[in-house]
C-alpha atoms as a PDB file:
ATOM      1  CA  MET A   1     180.368 -59.446  59.282  1.00  0.00           C
ATOM      2  CA  ASN A   2     180.117 -56.662  56.724  1.00  0.00           C
ATOM      3  CA  ASP A   3     177.171 -54.907  55.228  1.00  0.00           C
ATOM      4  CA  ARG A   4     177.817 -53.791  51.678  1.00  0.00           C
ATOM      5  CA  ASP A   5     174.696 -51.640  51.530  1.00  0.00           C
ATOM      6  CA  SER A   6     175.681 -49.568  54.544  1.00  0.00           C
ATOM      7  CA  ARG A   7     179.382 -49.741  53.618  1.00  0.00           C
ATOM      8  CA  ALA A   8     180.223 -50.852  57.125  1.00  0.00           C
ATOM      9  CA  LEU A   9     182.026 -53.631  58.923  1.00  0.00           C
ATOM     10  CA  THR A  10     181.047 -54.972  62.347  1.00  0.00           C
ATOM     11  CA  VAL A  11     183.640 -56.589  64.619  1.00  0.00           C
ATOM     12  CA  HIS A  12     182.318 -58.589  67.571  1.00  0.00           C
ATOM     13  CA  SER A  13     184.869 -59.390  70.289  1.00  0.00           C
ATOM     14  CA  HIS A  14     185.222 -60.591  73.849  1.00  0.00           C
ATOM     15  CA  PRO A  15     182.520 -63.257  73.906  1.00  0.00           C
ATOM     16  CA  ASP A  16     180.600 -63.563  77.159  1.00  0.00           C
ATOM     17  CA  ARG A  17     179.052 -67.003  77.645  1.00  0.00           C
ATOM     18  CA  GLN A  18     177.025 -65.846  80.648  1.00  0.00           C
ATOM     19  CA  VAL A  19     175.009 -63.381  78.568  1.00  0.00           C
ATOM     20  CA  GLY A  20     175.268 -65.326  75.311  1.00  0.00           C
ATOM     21  CA  GLY A  21     176.769 -62.485  73.308  1.00  0.00           C
ATOM     22  CA  TYR A  22     179.767 -60.215  72.973  1.00  0.00           C
ATOM     23  CA  ARG A  23     181.001 -57.558  75.367  1.00  0.00           C
ATOM     24  CA  ASP A  24     182.433 -55.396  72.593  1.00  0.00           C
ATOM     25  CA  VAL A  25     180.913 -54.578  69.202  1.00  0.00           C
ATOM     26  CA  ARG A  26     182.520 -52.049  66.881  1.00  0.00           C
ATOM     27  CA  VAL A  27     181.072 -50.748  63.629  1.00  0.00           C
ATOM     28  CA  ALA A  28     183.471 -49.113  61.188  1.00  0.00           C
ATOM     29  CA  GLU A  29     182.941 -47.643  57.742  1.00  0.00           C
ATOM     30  CA  PHE A  30     184.744 -49.197  54.804  1.00  0.00           C
ATOM     31  CA  GLY A  31     188.090 -47.458  54.471  1.00  0.00           C
ATOM     32  CA  GLU A  32     188.852 -47.306  58.186  1.00  0.00           C
ATOM     33  CA  THR A  33     191.632 -49.285  59.814  1.00  0.00           C
ATOM     34  CA  VAL A  34     190.086 -51.521  62.451  1.00  0.00           C
ATOM     35  CA  PRO A  35     192.143 -52.942  65.315  1.00  0.00           C
ATOM     36  CA  LEU A  36     191.379 -56.632  65.785  1.00  0.00           C
ATOM     37  CA  PRO A  37     191.781 -57.723  69.407  1.00  0.00           C
ATOM     38  CA  ASP A  38     193.827 -60.678  70.640  1.00  0.00           C
ATOM     39  CA  PRO A  39     194.243 -63.467  69.767  1.00  0.00           C
ATOM     40  CA  VAL A  40     194.375 -61.951  66.247  1.00  0.00           C
ATOM     41  CA  GLY A  41     196.117 -58.791  67.481  1.00  0.00           C
ATOM     42  CA  THR A  42     196.520 -56.888  64.222  1.00  0.00           C
ATOM     43  CA  ASP A  43     194.987 -53.996  62.319  1.00  0.00           C
ATOM     44  CA  LEU A  44     192.580 -54.663  59.454  1.00  0.00           C
ATOM     45  CA  ASP A  45     192.734 -52.181  56.579  1.00  0.00           C
ATOM     46  CA  THR A  46     189.201 -52.108  55.156  1.00  0.00           C
ATOM     47  CA  GLU A  47     189.979 -49.857  52.188  1.00  0.00           C
ATOM     48  CA  ILE A  48     189.769 -52.825  49.794  1.00  0.00           C
ATOM     49  CA  LEU A  49     186.160 -53.447  50.843  1.00  0.00           C
ATOM     50  CA  LYS A  50     185.128 -50.277  49.020  1.00  0.00           C
ATOM     51  CA  THR A  51     185.635 -52.230  45.778  1.00  0.00           C
ATOM     52  CA  CYS A  52     182.940 -54.738  46.859  1.00  0.00           C
ATOM     53  CA  VAL A  53     180.106 -52.207  46.726  1.00  0.00           C
ATOM     54  CA  ARG A  54     178.174 -50.743  43.837  1.00  0.00           C
END
């Protein structure tokens, strides 16, 4: 999920079915490199998202 107004990206990971949510939630500003956990296992460069805001 991203929020263009706040210029931020939220990554939810490690789902926990017992609590019905995620164990890890990370918010990063556009422009940061965000590590995506396994099974994706790569880094997401969010610099391009800066072009999606006013």
